Protein backbone atom coordinates (compact mmCIF):
# COMPACT_ATOMS: atom_id res chain seq x y z
CA MET A 1 -144.25 11.46 128.74
CA ARG A 2 -142.13 13.19 126.09
CA VAL A 3 -139.82 15.86 127.43
CA GLU A 4 -139.53 18.93 125.14
CA GLU A 5 -136.00 20.05 124.43
CA GLU A 6 -135.15 23.55 125.44
CA VAL A 7 -134.74 25.99 122.53
CA ARG A 8 -131.60 27.93 123.37
CA ILE A 9 -130.82 31.34 121.92
CA PRO A 10 -127.17 31.51 120.91
CA ASP A 11 -124.81 33.66 122.89
CA ALA A 12 -124.24 37.13 121.50
CA VAL A 13 -120.82 36.16 120.20
CA ASP A 14 -122.46 33.53 117.96
CA VAL A 15 -125.01 35.88 116.41
CA VAL A 16 -124.25 37.23 112.94
CA GLU A 17 -124.02 40.99 113.23
CA PRO A 18 -126.07 43.08 110.74
CA ASP A 19 -123.02 45.23 109.93
CA GLN A 20 -121.10 42.09 109.01
CA VAL A 21 -123.89 41.05 106.64
CA GLU A 22 -123.91 44.48 105.00
CA SER A 23 -120.14 44.54 104.54
CA THR A 24 -120.23 41.08 102.97
CA ILE A 25 -122.86 42.19 100.46
CA GLU A 26 -120.96 45.39 99.67
CA ALA A 27 -117.75 43.42 99.10
CA LYS A 28 -119.42 41.46 96.30
CA GLN A 29 -120.41 44.73 94.55
CA ILE A 30 -123.56 43.16 93.15
CA GLY A 31 -124.90 46.51 91.96
CA ASP A 32 -121.69 47.31 90.09
CA ARG A 33 -121.72 43.90 88.42
CA ILE A 34 -125.29 44.40 87.25
CA ARG A 35 -124.46 47.84 85.87
CA ARG A 36 -121.41 46.52 83.99
CA LEU A 37 -123.53 43.80 82.38
CA ARG A 38 -126.16 46.35 81.40
CA MET A 39 -123.67 48.86 79.97
CA LYS A 40 -121.90 46.13 78.02
CA ARG A 41 -125.20 45.47 76.24
CA SER A 42 -125.87 49.22 75.85
CA MET A 43 -129.12 48.59 77.70
CA GLY A 44 -131.11 51.22 79.58
CA LEU A 45 -132.79 50.69 82.93
CA VAL A 46 -136.25 50.76 81.35
CA GLU A 47 -135.30 48.05 78.84
CA LEU A 48 -133.75 45.89 81.57
CA GLY A 49 -136.89 46.41 83.64
CA LYS A 50 -139.10 45.14 80.81
CA LYS A 51 -136.94 42.04 80.39
CA THR A 52 -136.80 41.20 84.09
CA GLY A 53 -140.23 42.38 85.22
CA LEU A 54 -138.60 44.80 87.70
CA SER A 55 -139.13 48.55 87.82
CA ALA A 56 -136.46 50.90 86.49
CA SER A 57 -136.42 52.79 89.81
CA PHE A 58 -135.79 49.57 91.74
CA LEU A 59 -132.97 48.59 89.36
CA SER A 60 -131.42 52.04 89.79
CA GLN A 61 -131.45 51.65 93.58
CA LEU A 62 -130.05 48.16 93.18
CA GLU A 63 -127.13 49.33 91.06
CA THR A 64 -126.26 52.10 93.51
CA GLY A 65 -126.40 49.74 96.49
CA ARG A 66 -129.43 51.34 98.18
CA VAL A 67 -131.39 48.08 98.16
CA VAL A 68 -130.39 44.43 98.41
CA PRO A 69 -131.92 42.04 95.82
CA THR A 70 -133.71 38.86 96.73
CA VAL A 71 -132.41 35.64 95.21
CA ARG A 72 -135.50 35.53 92.99
CA ASN A 73 -134.89 39.01 91.55
CA LEU A 74 -131.18 38.35 91.14
CA ALA A 75 -132.00 35.15 89.26
CA ARG A 76 -134.20 37.15 86.86
CA ILE A 77 -131.30 39.48 86.10
CA ALA A 78 -128.84 36.60 85.71
CA ILE A 79 -131.11 34.81 83.23
CA THR A 80 -131.56 38.02 81.21
CA PHE A 81 -127.80 38.28 80.69
CA GLY A 82 -127.25 34.54 80.25
CA LYS A 83 -125.28 34.28 83.48
CA ASP A 84 -125.30 31.75 86.28
CA LEU A 85 -126.51 33.04 89.65
CA SER A 86 -123.06 32.38 91.11
CA TYR A 87 -121.65 35.10 88.81
CA PHE A 88 -122.73 37.76 91.32
CA PHE A 89 -120.93 36.12 94.23
CA ARG A 90 -117.58 35.14 92.73
CA ASP A 91 -114.47 36.79 94.06
CA GLU A 92 -112.99 39.20 91.57
CA GLN A 93 -109.30 39.78 91.96
CA PRO A 94 -108.05 42.92 90.20
CA ILE A 95 -105.76 42.10 87.28
CA THR A 96 -103.08 44.70 86.74
CA PHE A 97 -101.48 42.97 83.76
CA ARG A 98 -101.17 39.64 81.98
CA ILE A 99 -98.16 37.98 80.37
CA LEU A 100 -98.23 35.48 77.53
CA ARG A 101 -94.79 34.01 76.95
CA GLN A 102 -93.59 33.34 73.41
CA SER A 103 -93.28 29.64 74.25
CA GLU A 104 -96.96 29.58 75.29
CA ARG A 105 -98.36 31.02 72.05
CA VAL A 106 -99.96 28.73 69.50
CA ARG A 107 -98.61 29.19 65.95
CA LEU A 108 -100.89 28.38 63.03
CA GLN A 109 -99.61 28.08 59.47
CA LYS A 110 -101.64 28.65 56.36
CA ASN A 111 -100.30 25.83 54.20
CA ALA A 112 -99.85 22.85 56.52
CA GLY A 113 -97.55 20.14 55.20
CA ALA A 114 -95.53 22.52 52.99
CA VAL A 115 -93.03 25.27 53.63
CA PRO A 116 -95.12 27.78 55.62
CA THR A 117 -95.56 31.15 53.93
CA PHE A 118 -97.99 32.66 56.40
CA LEU A 119 -98.12 32.08 60.16
CA SER A 120 -100.25 33.60 62.89
CA GLU A 121 -99.79 33.60 66.65
CA ASN A 122 -103.00 34.00 68.62
CA LEU A 123 -102.65 36.33 71.63
CA SER A 124 -106.24 36.05 72.86
CA GLY A 125 -105.07 34.34 76.06
CA LEU A 126 -104.32 37.87 77.29
CA ILE A 127 -107.98 38.92 77.00
CA ALA A 128 -110.18 37.20 79.58
CA ASP A 129 -113.58 37.98 78.01
CA SER A 130 -112.63 37.71 74.32
CA SER A 131 -113.76 41.30 73.73
CA MET A 132 -110.69 41.66 71.51
CA VAL A 133 -108.74 39.08 69.52
CA PRO A 134 -105.09 40.08 68.97
CA CYS A 135 -102.63 38.08 66.88
CA ILE A 136 -99.22 38.36 65.25
CA ALA A 137 -99.25 37.73 61.50
CA GLU A 138 -96.00 36.70 59.81
CA PHE A 139 -95.56 36.74 56.02
CA ARG A 140 -92.56 34.72 54.83
CA GLY A 141 -90.86 35.53 51.58
CA THR A 142 -91.25 33.03 48.72
CA GLU A 143 -91.11 33.20 44.92
CA GLU A 144 -94.80 34.06 44.91
CA GLU A 145 -96.68 36.78 46.78
CA VAL A 146 -98.25 35.81 50.10
CA CYS A 147 -101.86 36.83 50.64
CA PHE A 148 -103.97 36.84 53.79
CA ARG A 149 -107.76 37.40 53.65
CA PRO A 150 -109.32 37.94 57.10
CA ARG A 151 -112.88 36.79 57.73
CA ILE A 152 -115.74 39.27 57.46
CA PHE A 153 -117.63 40.10 60.66
CA GLU A 154 -119.41 42.96 62.40
CA GLY A 155 -116.75 44.90 64.22
CA ILE A 156 -113.43 46.64 63.65
CA GLU A 157 -109.90 45.59 62.75
CA PHE A 158 -106.72 47.38 63.81
CA THR A 159 -103.44 46.55 62.05
CA MET A 160 -99.89 47.76 62.74
CA VAL A 161 -96.98 46.67 60.57
CA VAL A 162 -93.90 46.06 62.72
CA GLU A 163 -91.55 44.71 60.03
CA GLY A 164 -91.40 44.98 56.24
CA SER A 165 -94.31 46.29 54.17
CA LEU A 166 -97.76 45.04 53.24
CA THR A 167 -100.23 45.99 50.54
CA LEU A 168 -103.74 46.40 51.91
CA VAL A 169 -106.66 46.09 49.51
CA SER A 170 -110.04 46.96 51.01
CA GLU A 171 -112.77 46.76 48.35
CA MET A 172 -111.84 49.52 45.86
CA GLU A 173 -109.00 51.04 47.94
CA THR A 174 -105.33 50.00 47.88
CA ARG A 175 -102.76 51.20 50.40
CA THR A 176 -99.15 50.31 51.13
CA LEU A 177 -98.35 49.93 54.82
CA GLU A 178 -94.71 50.33 55.82
CA SER A 179 -93.13 49.38 59.13
CA GLY A 180 -94.72 51.51 61.86
CA ASP A 181 -97.87 52.30 59.86
CA VAL A 182 -101.27 51.65 61.40
CA ALA A 183 -104.62 50.95 59.71
CA TRP A 184 -108.15 50.85 61.13
CA LEU A 185 -110.83 49.06 59.12
CA ASP A 186 -114.51 48.22 59.21
CA ALA A 187 -114.38 44.42 59.41
CA MET A 188 -117.55 44.13 57.31
CA ARG A 189 -115.50 45.10 54.26
CA LYS A 190 -113.76 42.50 52.10
CA ARG A 191 -110.02 42.98 52.50
CA GLN A 192 -106.67 41.30 52.03
CA TYR A 193 -103.06 41.83 53.04
CA THR A 194 -100.36 40.98 50.48
CA CYS A 195 -96.61 40.61 50.85
CA GLU A 196 -94.52 40.94 47.69
CA PRO A 197 -92.58 37.90 46.33
CA GLY A 198 -89.31 37.31 48.19
CA GLU A 199 -90.19 39.82 50.95
CA ARG A 200 -90.96 39.26 54.62
CA ALA A 201 -93.33 41.17 56.86
CA ARG A 202 -94.85 40.98 60.34
CA ALA A 203 -97.92 42.75 61.67
CA ILE A 204 -100.01 42.93 64.82
CA ILE A 205 -103.71 42.54 63.98
CA ILE A 206 -106.35 43.20 66.63
CA THR A 207 -110.03 42.52 65.93
CA ARG A 208 -112.93 43.58 68.09
CA PRO A 209 -116.31 42.03 67.27
CA ASN A 210 -119.49 43.95 68.07
CA ARG A 211 -121.29 42.57 71.12
CA ASN A 212 -125.06 42.51 70.72
């Protein structure tokens, strides 16, 4: 005869307390993460509801922490934003600042194999999500003028001259930027920066593409 094993209820000390479960969920700030994703896309609750098949009122309660999502519903939201399900459970350590040493920056030159007249140092390692792309542009004096034509994209471009002077041509407008001057441009416009022959200039250029 087969003897049934006794099913033993764990001692109270071994039972996971409901308050502990709630605090663990709150620590992950799932609602806040969903809201940040939605706001980054400029998406309303109704639109998100249509994409996920969830009601706007439920999503509102979810973002404010009044309800806890099932794995199935969380997966719907993750797929909508092109995220892995693990995104909502990763530990997020607050970042107060980042440092990118000069020795760590990658320098790119315009005319490889010759005496470089234009160099750029990409600083995007400081920006975790690539929402902005900063770089240092260096124009080196030669017998001919040095010209830099940035790519055209949907977004904005911010330029500050930190040394020398540059001539900025943006479609039908021409401006001279001296050291300390700042320019803001619509990056959909054709534009170019020019350094006069024999002169040197350096500028910080920050681009921010539109996120659809």
